[in-house]
Amino acid sequence: MTPVARRATILALLAALMAATRVHHFGVVPDASWAVFFIGGVYLASWTRWAFPGLMVLAVAVDWFVITQQGLSFWSHYCVSPAYWCLVPAYFAMWAGGTWLKRHVDGPALARALKLVASLVVSVAVCHLIAQGSFYWISSSVAEPSVAGWWKNYTDWLLPYMRVAALYVGAAAMLHVLLTRVLPKPAAGARPLRAD
């Protein structure tokens, strides 16, 4: 498989995963959006210019579909306020964390694992800070915002979002190891699977 075909396949799989799980944000299968952007940063860093915006458009399209299918107006929905557009920098924080990991994923296995964990934790914390903070402070959903109220809300939701992102990123990491280390090596002259 050529590098372009490999990236296109990864992009298609990430888009399908996000579309399938974003439909029900709090359903039995949790929303993979944050992990999708992190994984995209790892595998599609050289396509950032158009892959990131494409995945953002998909995220908004899925939200629009879900909201309008409920017979509601997208623009007057509880979740869609001026803060909704802060999802762009929030999700880019996930993408940037994945890109950082791709550039620094060297050294022994333990060092690589620690870099993965550190980059994911920082990315989720920043993404949540932007997404939750903007919703808390900018939208009109919170009647009387306060620093104490914001902090409680931030800390109440941080671990659940961290857990979901870690679940998907961990599964992707195991799949990567399986495809690159465990399965038989490609024939002589074939190119190995690479992140980007």
C-alpha atoms as a PDB file:
ATOM      1  CA  MET A   1       0.000   0.000   0.000  1.00  0.00           C
ATOM      2  CA  THR A   2       1.370   3.422  -0.913  1.00  0.00           C
ATOM      3  CA  PRO A   3       1.770   6.116   1.770  1.00  0.00           C
ATOM      4  CA  VAL A   4      -1.085   8.143   0.232  1.00  0.00           C
ATOM      5  CA  ALA A   5      -3.394   5.126   0.148  1.00  0.00           C
ATOM      6  CA  ARG A   6      -2.435   4.288   3.727  1.00  0.00           C
ATOM      7  CA  ARG A   7      -3.229   7.822   4.916  1.00  0.00           C
ATOM      8  CA  ALA A   8      -6.493   7.864   2.956  1.00  0.00           C
ATOM      9  CA  THR A   9      -7.491   4.558   4.573  1.00  0.00           C
ATOM     10  CA  ILE A  10      -6.669   5.869   8.046  1.00  0.00           C
ATOM     11  CA  LEU A  11      -8.628   9.076   7.370  1.00  0.00           C
ATOM     12  CA  ALA A  12     -11.635   7.092   6.148  1.00  0.00           C
ATOM     13  CA  LEU A  13     -11.529   4.819   9.209  1.00  0.00           C
ATOM     14  CA  LEU A  14     -11.263   7.778  11.586  1.00  0.00           C
ATOM     15  CA  ALA A  15     -14.140   9.569   9.862  1.00  0.00           C
ATOM     16  CA  ALA A  16     -16.299   6.443  10.053  1.00  0.00           C
ATOM     17  CA  LEU A  17     -15.460   5.963  13.739  1.00  0.00           C
ATOM     18  CA  MET A  18     -16.341   9.557  14.577  1.00  0.00           C
ATOM     19  CA  ALA A  19     -19.568   9.513  12.561  1.00  0.00           C
ATOM     20  CA  ALA A  20     -20.674   6.227  14.119  1.00  0.00           C
ATOM     21  CA  THR A  21     -19.975   7.243  17.717  1.00  0.00           C
ATOM     22  CA  ARG A  22     -20.751  10.987  17.660  1.00  0.00           C
ATOM     23  CA  VAL A  23     -24.389  10.288  16.823  1.00  0.00           C
ATOM     24  CA  HIS A  24     -24.996   9.393  20.483  1.00  0.00           C
ATOM     25  CA  HIS A  25     -22.659  11.538  22.595  1.00  0.00           C
ATOM     26  CA  PHE A  26     -23.524   9.709  25.781  1.00  0.00           C
ATOM     27  CA  GLY A  27     -24.642   6.369  24.364  1.00  0.00           C
ATOM     28  CA  VAL A  28     -23.462   2.870  25.168  1.00  0.00           C
ATOM     29  CA  VAL A  29     -20.564   3.319  22.742  1.00  0.00           C
ATOM     30  CA  PRO A  30     -18.906   6.595  23.792  1.00  0.00           C
ATOM     31  CA  ASP A  31     -18.104   9.422  21.381  1.00  0.00           C
ATOM     32  CA  ALA A  32     -14.648   8.878  19.863  1.00  0.00           C
ATOM     33  CA  SER A  33     -14.256  12.435  18.516  1.00  0.00           C
ATOM     34  CA  TRP A  34     -11.460  13.543  20.846  1.00  0.00           C
ATOM     35  CA  ALA A  35      -9.467  10.380  20.210  1.00  0.00           C
ATOM     36  CA  VAL A  36     -10.091  10.662  16.461  1.00  0.00           C
ATOM     37  CA  PHE A  37      -8.426  14.078  16.394  1.00  0.00           C
ATOM     38  CA  PHE A  38      -5.507  12.860  18.518  1.00  0.00           C
ATOM     39  CA  ILE A  39      -4.973   9.783  16.331  1.00  0.00           C
ATOM     40  CA  GLY A  40      -5.351  11.960  13.241  1.00  0.00           C
ATOM     41  CA  GLY A  41      -2.512  14.138  14.500  1.00  0.00           C
ATOM     42  CA  VAL A  42      -0.312  11.058  14.791  1.00  0.00           C
ATOM     43  CA  TYR A  43      -1.060   9.454  11.442  1.00  0.00           C
ATOM     44  CA  LEU A  44      -2.104  12.393   9.272  1.00  0.00           C
ATOM     45  CA  ALA A  45       0.246  15.191  10.361  1.00  0.00           C
ATOM     46  CA  SER A  46       1.343  15.899   6.792  1.00  0.00           C
ATOM     47  CA  TRP A  47      -2.335  16.221   5.795  1.00  0.00           C
ATOM     48  CA  THR A  48      -3.233  18.635   8.614  1.00  0.00           C
ATOM     49  CA  ARG A  49      -4.086  21.454   6.211  1.00  0.00           C
ATOM     50  CA  TRP A  50      -7.105  19.634   4.853  1.00  0.00           C
ATOM     51  CA  ALA A  51      -7.660  16.506   7.005  1.00  0.00           C
ATOM     52  CA  PHE A  52      -8.239  18.500  10.200  1.00  0.00           C
ATOM     53  CA  PRO A  53     -10.792  20.868   8.594  1.00  0.00           C
ATOM     54  CA  GLY A  54     -12.450  17.891   6.895  1.00  0.00           C
ATOM     55  CA  LEU A  55     -12.921  16.099  10.196  1.00  0.00           C
ATOM     56  CA  MET A  56     -14.211  19.345  11.773  1.00  0.00           C
ATOM     57  CA  VAL A  57     -16.788  19.693   9.003  1.00  0.00           C
ATOM     58  CA  LEU A  58     -17.817  16.085   9.596  1.00  0.00           C
ATOM     59  CA  ALA A  59     -18.204  16.724  13.350  1.00  0.00           C
ATOM     60  CA  VAL A  60     -20.461  19.741  12.713  1.00  0.00           C
ATOM     61  CA  ALA A  61     -22.424  17.842  10.054  1.00  0.00           C
ATOM     62  CA  VAL A  62     -23.083  14.958  12.446  1.00  0.00           C
ATOM     63  CA  ASP A  63     -24.181  17.398  15.160  1.00  0.00           C
ATOM     64  CA  TRP A  64     -26.463  19.172  12.681  1.00  0.00           C
ATOM     65  CA  PHE A  65     -27.948  15.834  11.584  1.00  0.00           C
ATOM     66  CA  VAL A  66     -28.563  14.627  15.139  1.00  0.00           C
ATOM     67  CA  ILE A  67     -30.122  17.901  16.282  1.00  0.00           C
ATOM     68  CA  THR A  68     -32.355  18.413  13.249  1.00  0.00           C
ATOM     69  CA  GLN A  69     -33.480  14.752  13.296  1.00  0.00           C
ATOM     70  CA  GLN A  70     -34.919  15.493  16.738  1.00  0.00           C
ATOM     71  CA  GLY A  71     -37.027  18.223  15.142  1.00  0.00           C
ATOM     72  CA  LEU A  72     -34.965  20.990  16.737  1.00  0.00           C
ATOM     73  CA  SER A  73     -33.271  24.005  15.227  1.00  0.00           C
ATOM     74  CA  PHE A  74     -29.497  23.579  15.080  1.00  0.00           C
ATOM     75  CA  TRP A  75     -28.857  27.252  15.841  1.00  0.00           C
ATOM     76  CA  SER A  76     -31.109  27.379  18.915  1.00  0.00           C
ATOM     77  CA  HIS A  77     -30.000  24.065  20.447  1.00  0.00           C
ATOM     78  CA  TYR A  78     -28.631  24.031  23.994  1.00  0.00           C
ATOM     79  CA  CYS A  79     -25.173  22.881  22.836  1.00  0.00           C
ATOM     80  CA  VAL A  80     -24.871  25.341  19.946  1.00  0.00           C
ATOM     81  CA  SER A  81     -23.892  28.741  21.284  1.00  0.00           C
ATOM     82  CA  PRO A  82     -20.997  31.040  20.393  1.00  0.00           C
ATOM     83  CA  ALA A  83     -18.925  28.650  22.523  1.00  0.00           C
ATOM     84  CA  TYR A  84     -19.647  25.817  20.054  1.00  0.00           C
ATOM     85  CA  TRP A  85     -17.071  27.266  17.664  1.00  0.00           C
ATOM     86  CA  CYS A  86     -14.411  26.942  20.354  1.00  0.00           C
ATOM     87  CA  LEU A  87     -14.468  23.236  19.491  1.00  0.00           C
ATOM     88  CA  VAL A  88     -12.121  24.122  16.628  1.00  0.00           C
ATOM     89  CA  PRO A  89      -9.189  25.107  18.898  1.00  0.00           C
ATOM     90  CA  ALA A  90     -10.223  22.444  21.431  1.00  0.00           C
ATOM     91  CA  TYR A  91     -10.036  19.659  18.862  1.00  0.00           C
ATOM     92  CA  PHE A  92      -6.880  21.156  17.421  1.00  0.00           C
ATOM     93  CA  ALA A  93      -5.310  20.723  20.866  1.00  0.00           C
ATOM     94  CA  MET A  94      -5.963  16.985  20.474  1.00  0.00           C
ATOM     95  CA  TRP A  95      -4.538  17.032  16.936  1.00  0.00           C
ATOM     96  CA  ALA A  96      -1.448  18.961  18.085  1.00  0.00           C
ATOM     97  CA  GLY A  97      -0.870  16.436  20.867  1.00  0.00           C
ATOM     98  CA  GLY A  98      -0.920  13.617  18.339  1.00  0.00           C
ATOM     99  CA  THR A  99       1.424  15.527  16.031  1.00  0.00           C
ATOM    100  CA  TRP A 100       3.823  16.151  18.913  1.00  0.00           C
ATOM    101  CA  LEU A 101       3.779  12.443  19.749  1.00  0.00           C
ATOM    102  CA  LYS A 102       4.520  11.498  16.138  1.00  0.00           C
ATOM    103  CA  ARG A 103       7.579  13.756  16.122  1.00  0.00           C
ATOM    104  CA  HIS A 104       8.893  12.453  19.450  1.00  0.00           C
ATOM    105  CA  VAL A 105       8.025   8.751  19.309  1.00  0.00           C
ATOM    106  CA  ASP A 106      11.508   7.333  19.570  1.00  0.00           C
ATOM    107  CA  GLY A 107      13.584   5.572  22.170  1.00  0.00           C
ATOM    108  CA  PRO A 108      12.867   2.418  24.163  1.00  0.00           C
ATOM    109  CA  ALA A 109       9.321   1.052  24.461  1.00  0.00           C
ATOM    110  CA  LEU A 110       8.816   2.423  27.971  1.00  0.00           C
ATOM    111  CA  ALA A 111       9.839   5.933  26.875  1.00  0.00           C
ATOM    112  CA  ARG A 112       7.446   5.744  23.908  1.00  0.00           C
ATOM    113  CA  ALA A 113       4.611   4.593  26.180  1.00  0.00           C
ATOM    114  CA  LEU A 114       5.271   7.415  28.647  1.00  0.00           C
ATOM    115  CA  LYS A 115       5.304   9.967  25.822  1.00  0.00           C
ATOM    116  CA  LEU A 116       1.982   8.589  24.577  1.00  0.00           C
ATOM    117  CA  VAL A 117       0.418   8.868  28.028  1.00  0.00           C
ATOM    118  CA  ALA A 118       1.848  12.345  28.686  1.00  0.00           C
ATOM    119  CA  SER A 119       0.806  13.750  25.307  1.00  0.00           C
ATOM    120  CA  LEU A 120      -2.696  12.303  25.641  1.00  0.00           C
ATOM    121  CA  VAL A 121      -3.186  13.600  29.195  1.00  0.00           C
ATOM    122  CA  VAL A 122      -2.015  17.110  28.290  1.00  0.00           C
ATOM    123  CA  SER A 123      -4.079  17.140  25.078  1.00  0.00           C
ATOM    124  CA  VAL A 124      -7.272  16.057  26.830  1.00  0.00           C
ATOM    125  CA  ALA A 125      -6.728  18.535  29.688  1.00  0.00           C
ATOM    126  CA  VAL A 126      -6.256  21.424  27.235  1.00  0.00           C
ATOM    127  CA  CYS A 127      -9.105  20.303  24.953  1.00  0.00           C
ATOM    128  CA  HIS A 128     -11.429  20.031  27.941  1.00  0.00           C
ATOM    129  CA  LEU A 129     -10.262  23.397  29.266  1.00  0.00           C
ATOM    130  CA  ILE A 130     -11.178  25.074  25.977  1.00  0.00           C
ATOM    131  CA  ALA A 131     -14.394  23.145  25.241  1.00  0.00           C
ATOM    132  CA  GLN A 132     -15.806  23.094  28.764  1.00  0.00           C
ATOM    133  CA  GLY A 133     -14.471  26.511  29.723  1.00  0.00           C
ATOM    134  CA  SER A 134     -15.910  28.225  26.668  1.00  0.00           C
ATOM    135  CA  PHE A 135     -19.292  26.557  27.180  1.00  0.00           C
ATOM    136  CA  TYR A 136     -19.304  27.484  30.867  1.00  0.00           C
ATOM    137  CA  TRP A 137     -18.241  31.106  30.409  1.00  0.00           C
ATOM    138  CA  ILE A 138     -19.548  32.075  26.943  1.00  0.00           C
ATOM    139  CA  SER A 139     -22.862  30.265  26.527  1.00  0.00           C
ATOM    140  CA  SER A 140     -25.939  31.468  28.344  1.00  0.00           C
ATOM    141  CA  SER A 141     -26.559  27.988  29.775  1.00  0.00           C
ATOM    142  CA  VAL A 142     -24.944  28.764  33.128  1.00  0.00           C
ATOM    143  CA  ALA A 143     -27.114  31.273  34.999  1.00  0.00           C
ATOM    144  CA  GLU A 144     -24.523  32.482  37.509  1.00  0.00           C
ATOM    145  CA  PRO A 145     -21.005  31.454  36.462  1.00  0.00           C
ATOM    146  CA  SER A 146     -18.292  31.477  39.099  1.00  0.00           C
ATOM    147  CA  VAL A 147     -14.705  30.294  39.295  1.00  0.00           C
ATOM    148  CA  ALA A 148     -15.687  27.684  41.889  1.00  0.00           C
ATOM    149  CA  GLY A 149     -18.571  26.470  39.714  1.00  0.00           C
ATOM    150  CA  TRP A 150     -16.371  26.343  36.641  1.00  0.00           C
ATOM    151  CA  TRP A 151     -13.634  24.413  38.490  1.00  0.00           C
ATOM    152  CA  LYS A 152     -16.120  21.873  39.857  1.00  0.00           C
ATOM    153  CA  ASN A 153     -17.587  21.361  36.397  1.00  0.00           C
ATOM    154  CA  TYR A 154     -14.115  21.056  34.852  1.00  0.00           C
ATOM    155  CA  THR A 155     -12.916  18.475  37.365  1.00  0.00           C
ATOM    156  CA  ASP A 156     -16.217  16.537  37.356  1.00  0.00           C
ATOM    157  CA  TRP A 157     -15.993  15.915  33.602  1.00  0.00           C
ATOM    158  CA  LEU A 158     -12.227  15.702  33.042  1.00  0.00           C
ATOM    159  CA  LEU A 159     -11.778  12.085  34.134  1.00  0.00           C
ATOM    160  CA  PRO A 160     -14.703  10.707  32.069  1.00  0.00           C
ATOM    161  CA  TYR A 161     -13.376  12.441  28.950  1.00  0.00           C
ATOM    162  CA  MET A 162      -9.847  11.258  29.739  1.00  0.00           C
ATOM    163  CA  ARG A 163     -11.056   7.681  30.166  1.00  0.00           C
ATOM    164  CA  VAL A 164     -12.927   7.635  26.837  1.00  0.00           C
ATOM    165  CA  ALA A 165     -10.013   9.156  24.909  1.00  0.00           C
ATOM    166  CA  ALA A 166      -7.595   6.715  26.565  1.00  0.00           C
ATOM    167  CA  LEU A 167      -9.842   3.777  25.649  1.00  0.00           C
ATOM    168  CA  TYR A 168      -9.819   4.624  21.938  1.00  0.00           C
ATOM    169  CA  VAL A 169      -6.191   5.747  21.767  1.00  0.00           C
ATOM    170  CA  GLY A 170      -5.120   2.631  23.678  1.00  0.00           C
ATOM    171  CA  ALA A 171      -7.029   0.448  21.208  1.00  0.00           C
ATOM    172  CA  ALA A 172      -5.372   2.283  18.304  1.00  0.00           C
ATOM    173  CA  ALA A 173      -1.942   1.829  19.898  1.00  0.00           C
ATOM    174  CA  MET A 174      -2.543  -1.907  20.337  1.00  0.00           C
ATOM    175  CA  LEU A 175      -3.698  -2.184  16.723  1.00  0.00           C
ATOM    176  CA  HIS A 176      -0.582  -0.291  15.617  1.00  0.00           C
ATOM    177  CA  VAL A 177       1.671  -2.666  17.558  1.00  0.00           C
ATOM    178  CA  LEU A 178      -0.189  -5.665  16.149  1.00  0.00           C
ATOM    179  CA  LEU A 179       0.157  -4.444  12.567  1.00  0.00           C
ATOM    180  CA  THR A 180       3.775  -3.336  12.836  1.00  0.00           C
ATOM    181  CA  ARG A 181       5.394  -5.743  15.297  1.00  0.00           C
ATOM    182  CA  VAL A 182       3.367  -8.900  15.752  1.00  0.00           C
ATOM    183  CA  LEU A 183       2.076  -9.813  12.303  1.00  0.00           C
ATOM    184  CA  PRO A 184       4.522 -11.316   9.810  1.00  0.00           C
ATOM    185  CA  LYS A 185       6.956  -8.869   8.279  1.00  0.00           C
ATOM    186  CA  PRO A 186       6.254  -7.752   4.701  1.00  0.00           C
ATOM    187  CA  ALA A 187       8.138  -9.385   1.888  1.00  0.00           C
ATOM    188  CA  ALA A 188      11.556  -8.006   0.967  1.00  0.00           C
ATOM    189  CA  GLY A 189      11.219  -4.659  -0.744  1.00  0.00           C
ATOM    190  CA  ALA A 190       7.755  -3.956   0.712  1.00  0.00           C
ATOM    191  CA  ARG A 191       7.353  -0.805   2.758  1.00  0.00           C
ATOM    192  CA  PRO A 192       6.520  -1.194   6.464  1.00  0.00           C
ATOM    193  CA  LEU A 193       3.467   0.486   8.027  1.00  0.00           C
ATOM    194  CA  ARG A 194       4.427   3.969   9.195  1.00  0.00           C
ATOM    195  CA  ALA A 195       2.571   6.701  11.002  1.00  0.00           C
ATOM    196  CA  ASP A 196       2.988   9.295   8.257  1.00  0.00           C
END
